[in-house]
Amino acid sequence: MQAEVNMSAIWEKVVNQVKLKVIHPTLWRSLELVVPIIIENDQFVVGLAPGNFHLSGHLTGSEHQNAIESALREFAGKSLSLRIIEGTTIQDWMQVKAKDQSMQAMKEAAYRKREVEIAAAKSWEGLLETVGRRYAALQLRQLPQLRAKYIEEMLATISDTMDVLMPEGSPKDELAERSLARVIEKVGTLAEVPPAMIALELRRFRGK
């Protein structure tokens, strides 16, 4: 209860100070409708009732928010960021926090997925370089038997890469399929064999 009383007292001083420094009647009205809720994680959490939440924009404009947070720092004794939510109770704040956490989890999952995609793309690019480098190092590459040996080696290399980047049972991944196709096409082009034949031999190599 004491924390709530302190917040109310701090907010009242903040409102009075901001009114002295910023001449903006709509801002004043918005400040007066704000309900202090909690101080948490260096945030001074306040709320507006749903019917008044449209006024929050007057509080979050950079000039007005800076004035409010400057007053908060003076009267709370430390730097606090202003957080405005729709709702005026601790239960409303709990719901907002839960939503924040859910959104953060989604962002982190999307970020991790993107990291995996980038790493995979780099791995496929590395395989493409290997395909070209091995062919360039092939002696007497014009001879069909040596091209056949090159194809056999590439089938094993591609298969090993697939085991890492396209493991059995994993969902179909369009990016991986397209990357694999590029590698197969490059092997076929270098060995002067239709890419579809390389793909067929790869399936046989993997026991498909």
N, C-alpha and C. Protein backbone atom coordinates (compact mmCIF):
# COMPACT_ATOMS: atom_id res chain seq x y z
N MET A 1 0.83 -1.20 0.00
CA MET A 1 0.00 0.00 0.00
C MET A 1 0.87 1.25 0.00
N GLN A 2 1.99 1.17 0.79
CA GLN A 2 2.87 2.32 0.88
C GLN A 2 3.43 2.69 -0.50
N ALA A 3 3.79 1.62 -1.31
CA ALA A 3 4.33 1.87 -2.64
C ALA A 3 3.32 2.60 -3.49
N GLU A 4 2.05 2.22 -3.36
CA GLU A 4 1.00 2.87 -4.14
C GLU A 4 0.88 4.34 -3.72
N VAL A 5 0.92 4.61 -2.40
CA VAL A 5 0.81 5.99 -1.91
C VAL A 5 1.98 6.82 -2.43
N ASN A 6 3.18 6.24 -2.38
CA ASN A 6 4.37 6.94 -2.88
C ASN A 6 4.25 7.25 -4.37
N MET A 7 3.77 6.31 -5.13
CA MET A 7 3.60 6.54 -6.57
C MET A 7 2.62 7.67 -6.83
N SER A 8 1.53 7.66 -6.10
CA SER A 8 0.53 8.70 -6.29
C SER A 8 1.10 10.07 -5.95
N ALA A 9 1.89 10.11 -4.87
CA ALA A 9 2.49 11.37 -4.47
C ALA A 9 3.51 11.84 -5.51
N ILE A 10 4.31 10.90 -6.00
CA ILE A 10 5.30 11.25 -7.03
C ILE A 10 4.60 11.75 -8.28
N TRP A 11 3.56 11.03 -8.69
CA TRP A 11 2.87 11.41 -9.93
C TRP A 11 2.23 12.79 -9.80
N GLU A 12 1.68 13.08 -8.64
CA GLU A 12 1.07 14.40 -8.44
C GLU A 12 2.10 15.50 -8.61
N LYS A 13 3.29 15.30 -8.05
CA LYS A 13 4.37 16.29 -8.20
C LYS A 13 4.80 16.40 -9.66
N VAL A 14 4.86 15.26 -10.33
CA VAL A 14 5.25 15.25 -11.75
C VAL A 14 4.25 16.06 -12.58
N VAL A 15 2.97 15.81 -12.35
CA VAL A 15 1.92 16.52 -13.10
C VAL A 15 2.05 18.03 -12.89
N ASN A 16 2.22 18.44 -11.65
CA ASN A 16 2.32 19.87 -11.35
C ASN A 16 3.56 20.49 -12.01
N GLN A 17 4.67 19.75 -11.98
CA GLN A 17 5.90 20.27 -12.58
C GLN A 17 5.77 20.41 -14.09
N VAL A 18 5.21 19.38 -14.72
CA VAL A 18 5.07 19.40 -16.18
C VAL A 18 4.14 20.53 -16.60
N LYS A 19 3.08 20.75 -15.83
CA LYS A 19 2.15 21.84 -16.15
C LYS A 19 2.85 23.19 -16.13
N LEU A 20 3.82 23.34 -15.22
CA LEU A 20 4.56 24.60 -15.14
C LEU A 20 5.49 24.80 -16.33
N LYS A 21 6.01 23.69 -16.86
CA LYS A 21 7.02 23.77 -17.91
C LYS A 21 6.46 23.66 -19.32
N VAL A 22 5.31 23.00 -19.46
CA VAL A 22 4.75 22.78 -20.80
C VAL A 22 3.33 23.34 -20.85
N ILE A 23 3.12 24.32 -21.69
CA ILE A 23 1.79 24.90 -21.84
C ILE A 23 1.04 24.13 -22.92
N HIS A 24 0.20 23.22 -22.47
CA HIS A 24 -0.51 22.35 -23.42
C HIS A 24 -1.73 21.78 -22.67
N PRO A 25 -2.87 22.45 -22.75
CA PRO A 25 -4.05 22.03 -21.98
C PRO A 25 -4.46 20.57 -22.20
N THR A 26 -4.33 20.06 -23.43
CA THR A 26 -4.72 18.66 -23.66
C THR A 26 -3.77 17.71 -22.95
N LEU A 27 -2.50 18.07 -22.91
CA LEU A 27 -1.52 17.28 -22.16
C LEU A 27 -1.88 17.31 -20.68
N TRP A 28 -2.23 18.48 -20.17
CA TRP A 28 -2.60 18.57 -18.76
C TRP A 28 -3.76 17.64 -18.44
N ARG A 29 -4.77 17.67 -19.31
CA ARG A 29 -5.94 16.82 -19.08
C ARG A 29 -5.54 15.34 -19.11
N SER A 30 -4.68 15.01 -20.04
CA SER A 30 -4.23 13.61 -20.15
C SER A 30 -3.49 13.18 -18.89
N LEU A 31 -2.62 14.06 -18.39
CA LEU A 31 -1.86 13.76 -17.18
C LEU A 31 -2.79 13.53 -15.98
N GLU A 32 -3.83 14.33 -15.90
CA GLU A 32 -4.76 14.23 -14.77
C GLU A 32 -5.57 12.94 -14.80
N LEU A 33 -5.73 12.34 -15.99
CA LEU A 33 -6.50 11.10 -16.11
C LEU A 33 -5.65 9.85 -15.89
N VAL A 34 -4.35 10.04 -15.83
CA VAL A 34 -3.44 8.90 -15.66
C VAL A 34 -3.54 8.33 -14.25
N VAL A 35 -3.47 6.99 -14.17
CA VAL A 35 -3.49 6.30 -12.88
C VAL A 35 -2.14 5.59 -12.69
N PRO A 36 -1.35 5.95 -11.68
CA PRO A 36 -0.10 5.24 -11.40
C PRO A 36 -0.39 3.79 -11.00
N ILE A 37 0.41 2.85 -11.49
CA ILE A 37 0.14 1.44 -11.21
C ILE A 37 1.29 0.78 -10.43
N ILE A 38 2.50 0.85 -10.99
CA ILE A 38 3.61 0.14 -10.34
C ILE A 38 4.94 0.66 -10.88
N ILE A 39 5.97 0.58 -10.06
CA ILE A 39 7.33 0.81 -10.52
C ILE A 39 8.00 -0.55 -10.65
N GLU A 40 8.44 -0.87 -11.85
CA GLU A 40 9.01 -2.21 -12.08
C GLU A 40 10.06 -2.15 -13.19
N ASN A 41 11.21 -2.76 -12.91
CA ASN A 41 12.30 -2.80 -13.90
C ASN A 41 12.62 -1.42 -14.47
N ASP A 42 12.73 -0.46 -13.55
CA ASP A 42 13.05 0.93 -13.93
C ASP A 42 12.02 1.54 -14.87
N GLN A 43 10.81 1.05 -14.77
CA GLN A 43 9.69 1.64 -15.50
C GLN A 43 8.68 2.19 -14.51
N PHE A 44 8.21 3.37 -14.78
CA PHE A 44 7.12 3.96 -14.01
C PHE A 44 5.87 3.67 -14.83
N VAL A 45 5.15 2.62 -14.41
CA VAL A 45 4.01 2.13 -15.19
C VAL A 45 2.74 2.85 -14.77
N VAL A 46 2.11 3.49 -15.73
CA VAL A 46 0.86 4.18 -15.48
C VAL A 46 -0.16 3.70 -16.50
N GLY A 47 -1.43 3.95 -16.21
CA GLY A 47 -2.45 3.50 -17.13
C GLY A 47 -3.52 4.55 -17.38
N LEU A 48 -4.19 4.37 -18.49
CA LEU A 48 -5.37 5.16 -18.83
C LEU A 48 -6.52 4.20 -19.06
N ALA A 49 -7.69 4.59 -18.61
CA ALA A 49 -8.87 3.76 -18.85
C ALA A 49 -9.07 3.60 -20.35
N PRO A 50 -9.64 2.47 -20.79
CA PRO A 50 -9.82 2.23 -22.23
C PRO A 50 -10.45 3.40 -22.97
N GLY A 51 -11.42 4.07 -22.34
CA GLY A 51 -12.08 5.18 -23.01
C GLY A 51 -11.21 6.41 -23.16
N ASN A 52 -10.10 6.44 -22.41
CA ASN A 52 -9.20 7.60 -22.47
C ASN A 52 -7.85 7.28 -23.09
N PHE A 53 -7.67 6.02 -23.48
CA PHE A 53 -6.33 5.61 -23.93
C PHE A 53 -5.87 6.35 -25.18
N HIS A 54 -6.81 6.86 -25.96
CA HIS A 54 -6.43 7.62 -27.16
C HIS A 54 -5.61 8.86 -26.81
N LEU A 55 -5.68 9.29 -25.54
CA LEU A 55 -4.92 10.47 -25.11
C LEU A 55 -3.46 10.15 -24.84
N SER A 56 -3.11 8.85 -24.85
CA SER A 56 -1.73 8.47 -24.51
C SER A 56 -0.71 9.09 -25.45
N GLY A 57 -1.13 9.36 -26.68
CA GLY A 57 -0.21 9.96 -27.64
C GLY A 57 0.31 11.31 -27.20
N HIS A 58 -0.47 12.02 -26.40
CA HIS A 58 -0.01 13.33 -25.90
C HIS A 58 1.10 13.17 -24.87
N LEU A 59 1.18 12.00 -24.26
CA LEU A 59 2.20 11.75 -23.24
C LEU A 59 3.48 11.16 -23.82
N THR A 60 3.36 10.51 -24.97
CA THR A 60 4.50 9.80 -25.53
C THR A 60 5.23 10.56 -26.63
N GLY A 61 4.73 11.73 -27.00
CA GLY A 61 5.50 12.57 -27.91
C GLY A 61 6.83 12.89 -27.27
N SER A 62 7.90 12.94 -28.05
CA SER A 62 9.25 13.01 -27.48
C SER A 62 9.42 14.18 -26.51
N GLU A 63 8.91 15.36 -26.87
CA GLU A 63 9.09 16.54 -25.99
C GLU A 63 8.34 16.35 -24.68
N HIS A 64 7.10 15.90 -24.77
CA HIS A 64 6.30 15.72 -23.55
C HIS A 64 6.85 14.58 -22.69
N GLN A 65 7.25 13.46 -23.33
CA GLN A 65 7.76 12.34 -22.55
C GLN A 65 9.07 12.72 -21.86
N ASN A 66 9.90 13.48 -22.55
CA ASN A 66 11.15 13.92 -21.93
C ASN A 66 10.88 14.78 -20.69
N ALA A 67 9.87 15.66 -20.79
CA ALA A 67 9.52 16.52 -19.65
C ALA A 67 9.01 15.67 -18.49
N ILE A 68 8.19 14.67 -18.79
CA ILE A 68 7.63 13.80 -17.75
C ILE A 68 8.74 12.99 -17.09
N GLU A 69 9.63 12.40 -17.90
CA GLU A 69 10.68 11.55 -17.33
C GLU A 69 11.71 12.37 -16.57
N SER A 70 11.91 13.62 -16.98
CA SER A 70 12.80 14.51 -16.23
C SER A 70 12.23 14.79 -14.85
N ALA A 71 10.91 15.01 -14.80
CA ALA A 71 10.25 15.25 -13.51
C ALA A 71 10.26 13.97 -12.66
N LEU A 72 10.06 12.84 -13.29
CA LEU A 72 10.11 11.56 -12.56
C LEU A 72 11.48 11.37 -11.92
N ARG A 73 12.52 11.66 -12.69
CA ARG A 73 13.88 11.51 -12.17
C ARG A 73 14.10 12.41 -10.95
N GLU A 74 13.53 13.60 -11.00
CA GLU A 74 13.69 14.55 -9.89
C GLU A 74 12.95 14.09 -8.64
N PHE A 75 11.72 13.62 -8.82
CA PHE A 75 10.89 13.31 -7.64
C PHE A 75 10.99 11.85 -7.18
N ALA A 76 11.42 10.95 -8.09
CA ALA A 76 11.59 9.55 -7.69
C ALA A 76 13.02 9.28 -7.23
N GLY A 77 13.93 10.20 -7.57
CA GLY A 77 15.31 10.03 -7.12
C GLY A 77 16.14 9.13 -8.00
N LYS A 78 15.60 8.68 -9.13
CA LYS A 78 16.37 7.87 -10.07
C LYS A 78 15.71 7.93 -11.45
N SER A 79 16.45 7.51 -12.46
CA SER A 79 15.92 7.54 -13.82
C SER A 79 14.89 6.42 -14.00
N LEU A 80 13.72 6.81 -14.47
CA LEU A 80 12.66 5.86 -14.75
C LEU A 80 12.07 6.18 -16.12
N SER A 81 11.82 5.14 -16.90
CA SER A 81 11.15 5.37 -18.18
C SER A 81 9.64 5.28 -17.95
N LEU A 82 8.91 6.09 -18.68
CA LEU A 82 7.46 6.11 -18.55
C LEU A 82 6.88 5.00 -19.42
N ARG A 83 6.04 4.17 -18.84
CA ARG A 83 5.34 3.13 -19.60
C ARG A 83 3.84 3.33 -19.39
N ILE A 84 3.13 3.53 -20.50
CA ILE A 84 1.69 3.78 -20.43
C ILE A 84 0.95 2.58 -21.00
N ILE A 85 0.00 2.06 -20.25
CA ILE A 85 -0.77 0.91 -20.72
C ILE A 85 -2.26 1.27 -20.76
N GLU A 86 -2.99 0.44 -21.48
CA GLU A 86 -4.44 0.58 -21.49
C GLU A 86 -4.99 -0.22 -20.32
N GLY A 87 -5.60 0.46 -19.38
CA GLY A 87 -6.06 -0.18 -18.15
C GLY A 87 -5.47 0.54 -16.95
N THR A 88 -6.05 0.32 -15.80
CA THR A 88 -5.62 1.10 -14.62
C THR A 88 -5.34 0.23 -13.40
N THR A 89 -5.29 -1.09 -13.57
CA THR A 89 -5.09 -1.97 -12.41
C THR A 89 -3.84 -2.81 -12.59
N ILE A 90 -3.39 -3.41 -11.49
CA ILE A 90 -2.23 -4.30 -11.54
C ILE A 90 -2.53 -5.51 -12.41
N GLN A 91 -3.79 -5.94 -12.44
CA GLN A 91 -4.18 -7.06 -13.30
C GLN A 91 -4.01 -6.69 -14.79
N ASP A 92 -4.35 -5.44 -15.12
CA ASP A 92 -4.14 -4.98 -16.49
C ASP A 92 -2.66 -5.02 -16.84
N TRP A 93 -1.82 -4.62 -15.91
CA TRP A 93 -0.38 -4.63 -16.13
C TRP A 93 0.12 -6.06 -16.32
N MET A 94 -0.39 -7.01 -15.54
CA MET A 94 0.01 -8.41 -15.67
C MET A 94 -0.33 -8.94 -17.06
N GLN A 95 -1.49 -8.55 -17.56
CA GLN A 95 -1.90 -8.99 -18.90
C GLN A 95 -0.98 -8.39 -19.97
N VAL A 96 -0.63 -7.12 -19.81
CA VAL A 96 0.27 -6.47 -20.76
C VAL A 96 1.64 -7.15 -20.72
N LYS A 97 2.13 -7.47 -19.53
CA LYS A 97 3.43 -8.13 -19.41
C LYS A 97 3.42 -9.50 -20.08
N ALA A 98 2.31 -10.23 -19.88
CA ALA A 98 2.20 -11.55 -20.50
C ALA A 98 2.23 -11.42 -22.03
N LYS A 99 1.55 -10.40 -22.54
CA LYS A 99 1.54 -10.17 -23.99
C LYS A 99 2.94 -9.77 -24.47
N ASP A 100 3.62 -8.93 -23.69
CA ASP A 100 4.99 -8.53 -24.04
C ASP A 100 5.90 -9.74 -24.13
N GLN A 101 5.78 -10.64 -23.14
CA GLN A 101 6.63 -11.83 -23.11
C GLN A 101 6.35 -12.73 -24.30
N SER A 102 5.07 -12.85 -24.64
CA SER A 102 4.70 -13.67 -25.80
C SER A 102 5.28 -13.09 -27.08
N MET A 103 5.18 -11.77 -27.23
CA MET A 103 5.71 -11.11 -28.42
C MET A 103 7.24 -11.26 -28.48
N GLN A 104 7.88 -11.14 -27.32
CA GLN A 104 9.34 -11.28 -27.28
C GLN A 104 9.76 -12.69 -27.67
N ALA A 105 9.00 -13.68 -27.17
CA ALA A 105 9.31 -15.07 -27.50
C ALA A 105 9.17 -15.30 -29.00
N MET A 106 8.14 -14.70 -29.61
CA MET A 106 7.94 -14.84 -31.05
C MET A 106 9.09 -14.19 -31.82
N LYS A 107 9.52 -13.01 -31.36
CA LYS A 107 10.63 -12.32 -32.02
C LYS A 107 11.91 -13.13 -31.93
N GLU A 108 12.15 -13.72 -30.74
CA GLU A 108 13.37 -14.51 -30.54
C GLU A 108 13.34 -15.77 -31.41
N ALA A 109 12.15 -16.39 -31.51
CA ALA A 109 12.02 -17.58 -32.35
C ALA A 109 12.27 -17.24 -33.81
N ALA A 110 11.72 -16.10 -34.25
CA ALA A 110 11.93 -15.67 -35.63
C ALA A 110 13.40 -15.35 -35.88
N TYR A 111 14.05 -14.74 -34.89
CA TYR A 111 15.47 -14.41 -35.03
C TYR A 111 16.31 -15.67 -35.11
N ARG A 112 16.00 -16.67 -34.25
CA ARG A 112 16.75 -17.92 -34.29
C ARG A 112 16.55 -18.64 -35.62
N LYS A 113 15.32 -18.62 -36.13
CA LYS A 113 15.04 -19.25 -37.42
C LYS A 113 15.85 -18.58 -38.52
N ARG A 114 15.91 -17.24 -38.48
CA ARG A 114 16.66 -16.51 -39.49
C ARG A 114 18.15 -16.84 -39.40
N GLU A 115 18.67 -16.97 -38.17
CA GLU A 115 20.07 -17.32 -37.99
C GLU A 115 20.37 -18.69 -38.60
N VAL A 116 19.45 -19.63 -38.37
CA VAL A 116 19.61 -20.99 -38.93
C VAL A 116 19.61 -20.93 -40.45
N GLU A 117 18.68 -20.12 -41.01
CA GLU A 117 18.59 -19.99 -42.47
C GLU A 117 19.87 -19.40 -43.05
N ILE A 118 20.41 -18.38 -42.37
CA ILE A 118 21.63 -17.74 -42.85
C ILE A 118 22.80 -18.72 -42.79
N ALA A 119 22.88 -19.46 -41.67
CA ALA A 119 23.96 -20.45 -41.52
C ALA A 119 23.85 -21.52 -42.59
N ALA A 120 22.60 -21.96 -42.85
CA ALA A 120 22.38 -22.99 -43.87
C ALA A 120 22.76 -22.48 -45.24
N ALA A 121 22.36 -21.23 -45.53
CA ALA A 121 22.68 -20.65 -46.83
C ALA A 121 24.19 -20.59 -47.02
N LYS A 122 24.91 -20.22 -45.96
CA LYS A 122 26.36 -20.17 -46.04
C LYS A 122 26.94 -21.56 -46.27
N SER A 123 26.33 -22.58 -45.66
CA SER A 123 26.81 -23.94 -45.84
C SER A 123 26.58 -24.40 -47.26
N TRP A 124 25.42 -24.09 -47.83
CA TRP A 124 25.15 -24.46 -49.22
C TRP A 124 26.11 -23.71 -50.15
N GLU A 125 26.37 -22.43 -49.82
CA GLU A 125 27.31 -21.67 -50.63
C GLU A 125 28.70 -22.31 -50.57
N GLY A 126 29.05 -22.78 -49.37
CA GLY A 126 30.33 -23.46 -49.22
C GLY A 126 30.40 -24.72 -50.05
N LEU A 127 29.28 -25.45 -50.11
CA LEU A 127 29.23 -26.67 -50.92
C LEU A 127 29.38 -26.35 -52.40
N LEU A 128 28.73 -25.25 -52.84
CA LEU A 128 28.87 -24.83 -54.24
C LEU A 128 30.33 -24.53 -54.58
N GLU A 129 31.02 -23.87 -53.64
CA GLU A 129 32.43 -23.58 -53.86
C GLU A 129 33.25 -24.86 -53.93
N THR A 130 32.92 -25.82 -53.07
CA THR A 130 33.62 -27.10 -53.06
C THR A 130 33.44 -27.83 -54.38
N VAL A 131 32.21 -27.82 -54.89
CA VAL A 131 31.90 -28.46 -56.17
C VAL A 131 32.78 -27.88 -57.28
N GLY A 132 32.86 -26.56 -57.34
CA GLY A 132 33.67 -25.93 -58.37
C GLY A 132 35.15 -26.16 -58.17
N ARG A 133 35.60 -26.10 -56.91
CA ARG A 133 37.02 -26.24 -56.62
C ARG A 133 37.52 -27.66 -56.94
N ARG A 134 36.70 -28.65 -56.56
CA ARG A 134 37.09 -30.05 -56.83
C ARG A 134 37.18 -30.30 -58.34
N TYR A 135 36.26 -29.73 -59.10
CA TYR A 135 36.29 -29.94 -60.54
C TYR A 135 37.52 -29.26 -61.15
N ALA A 136 37.82 -28.05 -60.66
CA ALA A 136 38.99 -27.33 -61.18
C ALA A 136 40.29 -28.08 -60.92
N ALA A 137 40.32 -28.84 -59.82
CA ALA A 137 41.53 -29.59 -59.46
C ALA A 137 41.60 -30.95 -60.15
N LEU A 138 40.55 -31.32 -60.84
CA LEU A 138 40.49 -32.64 -61.48
C LEU A 138 41.41 -32.70 -62.70
N GLN A 139 42.35 -33.65 -62.66
CA GLN A 139 43.26 -33.84 -63.78
C GLN A 139 42.57 -34.65 -64.89
N LEU A 140 42.85 -34.32 -66.12
CA LEU A 140 42.29 -35.03 -67.27
C LEU A 140 40.76 -35.07 -67.19
N ARG A 141 40.18 -33.94 -66.82
CA ARG A 141 38.73 -33.89 -66.61
C ARG A 141 37.93 -34.13 -67.88
N GLN A 142 38.60 -34.08 -69.02
CA GLN A 142 37.88 -34.32 -70.26
C GLN A 142 37.55 -35.80 -70.46
N LEU A 143 38.20 -36.67 -69.69
CA LEU A 143 37.96 -38.10 -69.82
C LEU A 143 36.69 -38.50 -69.07
N PRO A 144 35.80 -39.29 -69.72
CA PRO A 144 34.52 -39.63 -69.08
C PRO A 144 34.67 -40.40 -67.79
N GLN A 145 35.66 -41.28 -67.69
CA GLN A 145 35.81 -42.07 -66.47
C GLN A 145 36.19 -41.20 -65.27
N LEU A 146 36.95 -40.12 -65.56
CA LEU A 146 37.33 -39.23 -64.46
C LEU A 146 36.17 -38.30 -64.08
N ARG A 147 35.36 -37.95 -65.05
CA ARG A 147 34.15 -37.19 -64.73
C ARG A 147 33.20 -38.03 -63.89
N ALA A 148 33.14 -39.34 -64.23
CA ALA A 148 32.29 -40.25 -63.45
C ALA A 148 32.79 -40.33 -62.01
N LYS A 149 34.12 -40.38 -61.86
CA LYS A 149 34.70 -40.41 -60.51
C LYS A 149 34.37 -39.13 -59.75
N TYR A 150 34.45 -38.00 -60.45
CA TYR A 150 34.09 -36.70 -59.86
C TYR A 150 32.63 -36.70 -59.40
N ILE A 151 31.75 -37.22 -60.25
CA ILE A 151 30.33 -37.27 -59.89
C ILE A 151 30.12 -38.13 -58.65
N GLU A 152 30.79 -39.28 -58.59
CA GLU A 152 30.66 -40.15 -57.42
C GLU A 152 31.09 -39.43 -56.15
N GLU A 153 32.22 -38.72 -56.25
CA GLU A 153 32.71 -37.97 -55.08
C GLU A 153 31.72 -36.90 -54.67
N MET A 154 31.15 -36.19 -55.65
CA MET A 154 30.21 -35.13 -55.34
C MET A 154 28.91 -35.67 -54.75
N LEU A 155 28.50 -36.84 -55.22
CA LEU A 155 27.29 -37.46 -54.65
C LEU A 155 27.48 -37.72 -53.16
N ALA A 156 28.64 -38.21 -52.79
CA ALA A 156 28.92 -38.48 -51.37
C ALA A 156 28.98 -37.19 -50.57
N THR A 157 29.62 -36.16 -51.15
CA THR A 157 29.74 -34.87 -50.47
C THR A 157 28.38 -34.22 -50.29
N ILE A 158 27.57 -34.24 -51.35
CA ILE A 158 26.23 -33.65 -51.27
C ILE A 158 25.39 -34.41 -50.25
N SER A 159 25.49 -35.73 -50.26
CA SER A 159 24.70 -36.54 -49.32
C SER A 159 25.07 -36.22 -47.88
N ASP A 160 26.38 -36.07 -47.61
CA ASP A 160 26.82 -35.73 -46.25
C ASP A 160 26.25 -34.37 -45.82
N THR A 161 26.25 -33.42 -46.74
CA THR A 161 25.70 -32.10 -46.44
C THR A 161 24.21 -32.17 -46.18
N MET A 162 23.52 -32.98 -46.96
CA MET A 162 22.07 -33.15 -46.75
C MET A 162 21.77 -33.73 -45.37
N ASP A 163 22.62 -34.63 -44.91
CA ASP A 163 22.41 -35.23 -43.58
C ASP A 163 22.44 -34.17 -42.49
N VAL A 164 23.23 -33.12 -42.71
CA VAL A 164 23.35 -32.04 -41.72
C VAL A 164 22.25 -31.00 -41.90
N LEU A 165 22.02 -30.58 -43.14
CA LEU A 165 21.12 -29.46 -43.40
C LEU A 165 19.69 -29.88 -43.72
N MET A 166 19.52 -31.15 -44.11
CA MET A 166 18.18 -31.65 -44.43
C MET A 166 17.99 -33.03 -43.80
N PRO A 167 18.08 -33.11 -42.46
CA PRO A 167 18.02 -34.42 -41.80
C PRO A 167 16.69 -35.13 -42.03
N GLU A 168 16.75 -36.45 -41.97
CA GLU A 168 15.54 -37.26 -42.14
C GLU A 168 14.47 -36.85 -41.14
N GLY A 169 13.24 -36.74 -41.63
CA GLY A 169 12.12 -36.41 -40.75
C GLY A 169 11.89 -34.93 -40.55
N SER A 170 12.80 -34.09 -41.06
CA SER A 170 12.61 -32.64 -40.90
C SER A 170 11.56 -32.16 -41.89
N PRO A 171 10.84 -31.07 -41.55
CA PRO A 171 9.82 -30.54 -42.47
C PRO A 171 10.44 -30.11 -43.79
N LYS A 172 9.62 -30.13 -44.82
CA LYS A 172 10.07 -29.69 -46.14
C LYS A 172 10.47 -28.22 -46.06
N ASP A 173 11.66 -27.91 -46.55
CA ASP A 173 12.19 -26.55 -46.48
C ASP A 173 12.49 -26.08 -47.91
N GLU A 174 11.72 -25.10 -48.38
CA GLU A 174 11.87 -24.65 -49.76
C GLU A 174 13.26 -24.08 -50.02
N LEU A 175 13.80 -23.33 -49.05
CA LEU A 175 15.13 -22.74 -49.21
C LEU A 175 16.17 -23.83 -49.40
N ALA A 176 16.08 -24.88 -48.57
CA ALA A 176 17.05 -25.98 -48.67
C ALA A 176 16.90 -26.71 -50.00
N GLU A 177 15.65 -26.95 -50.43
CA GLU A 177 15.42 -27.65 -51.70
C GLU A 177 16.00 -26.86 -52.87
N ARG A 178 15.80 -25.57 -52.86
CA ARG A 178 16.33 -24.73 -53.94
C ARG A 178 17.86 -24.70 -53.91
N SER A 179 18.42 -24.66 -52.71
CA SER A 179 19.88 -24.65 -52.58
C SER A 179 20.46 -25.97 -53.08
N LEU A 180 19.80 -27.07 -52.73
CA LEU A 180 20.24 -28.38 -53.21
C LEU A 180 20.19 -28.44 -54.73
N ALA A 181 19.12 -27.91 -55.30
CA ALA A 181 18.97 -27.90 -56.76
C ALA A 181 20.11 -27.14 -57.42
N ARG A 182 20.50 -26.03 -56.83
CA ARG A 182 21.61 -25.25 -57.41
C ARG A 182 22.90 -26.07 -57.43
N VAL A 183 23.14 -26.81 -56.34
CA VAL A 183 24.35 -27.63 -56.28
C VAL A 183 24.30 -28.73 -57.34
N ILE A 184 23.15 -29.40 -57.44
CA ILE A 184 23.00 -30.47 -58.43
C ILE A 184 23.20 -29.93 -59.84
N GLU A 185 22.61 -28.77 -60.12
CA GLU A 185 22.75 -28.17 -61.45
C GLU A 185 24.21 -27.82 -61.75
N LYS A 186 24.93 -27.37 -60.73
CA LYS A 186 26.33 -27.01 -60.97
C LYS A 186 27.15 -28.26 -61.27
N VAL A 187 26.92 -29.33 -60.52
CA VAL A 187 27.64 -30.58 -60.78
C VAL A 187 27.33 -31.06 -62.20
N GLY A 188 26.04 -31.03 -62.57
CA GLY A 188 25.66 -31.47 -63.90
C GLY A 188 26.29 -30.63 -64.99
N THR A 189 26.32 -29.31 -64.78
CA THR A 189 26.90 -28.41 -65.78
C THR A 189 28.39 -28.68 -65.96
N LEU A 190 29.11 -28.82 -64.84
CA LEU A 190 30.54 -29.05 -64.91
C LEU A 190 30.87 -30.40 -65.53
N ALA A 191 30.09 -31.42 -65.17
CA ALA A 191 30.36 -32.77 -65.67
C ALA A 191 29.69 -33.03 -67.02
N GLU A 192 28.98 -32.03 -67.51
CA GLU A 192 28.26 -32.14 -68.78
C GLU A 192 27.29 -33.32 -68.78
N VAL A 193 26.53 -33.38 -67.68
CA VAL A 193 25.50 -34.40 -67.50
C VAL A 193 24.21 -33.68 -67.12
N PRO A 194 23.05 -34.09 -67.69
CA PRO A 194 21.79 -33.43 -67.31
C PRO A 194 21.61 -33.43 -65.79
N PRO A 195 21.27 -32.28 -65.20
CA PRO A 195 21.08 -32.21 -63.74
C PRO A 195 20.08 -33.25 -63.22
N ALA A 196 19.06 -33.56 -64.02
CA ALA A 196 18.09 -34.56 -63.57
C ALA A 196 18.75 -35.92 -63.37
N MET A 197 19.76 -36.23 -64.17
CA MET A 197 20.47 -37.50 -64.00
C MET A 197 21.30 -37.48 -62.72
N ILE A 198 21.90 -36.33 -62.42
CA ILE A 198 22.64 -36.20 -61.16
C ILE A 198 21.68 -36.39 -59.98
N ALA A 199 20.50 -35.77 -60.09
CA ALA A 199 19.50 -35.90 -59.01
C ALA A 199 19.07 -37.35 -58.85
N LEU A 200 18.90 -38.05 -59.98
CA LEU A 200 18.50 -39.46 -59.93
C LEU A 200 19.58 -40.31 -59.26
N GLU A 201 20.83 -40.06 -59.65
CA GLU A 201 21.93 -40.81 -59.05
C GLU A 201 22.06 -40.49 -57.55
N LEU A 202 21.77 -39.27 -57.18
CA LEU A 202 21.81 -38.90 -55.76
C LEU A 202 20.75 -39.67 -54.98
N ARG A 203 19.57 -39.81 -55.56
CA ARG A 203 18.51 -40.59 -54.90
C ARG A 203 18.94 -42.05 -54.74
N ARG A 204 19.54 -42.58 -55.78
CA ARG A 204 20.02 -43.98 -55.69
C ARG A 204 21.13 -44.12 -54.64
N PHE A 205 22.02 -43.13 -54.62
CA PHE A 205 23.12 -43.15 -53.65
C PHE A 205 22.58 -43.17 -52.22
N ARG A 206 21.52 -42.42 -52.01
CA ARG A 206 20.94 -42.32 -50.67
C ARG A 206 19.90 -43.41 -50.41
N GLY A 207 19.73 -44.30 -51.35
CA GLY A 207 18.81 -45.42 -51.15
C GLY A 207 17.36 -45.06 -51.25
N LYS A 208 17.06 -44.04 -52.05
CA LYS A 208 15.67 -43.59 -52.20
C LYS A 208 14.99 -44.33 -53.34
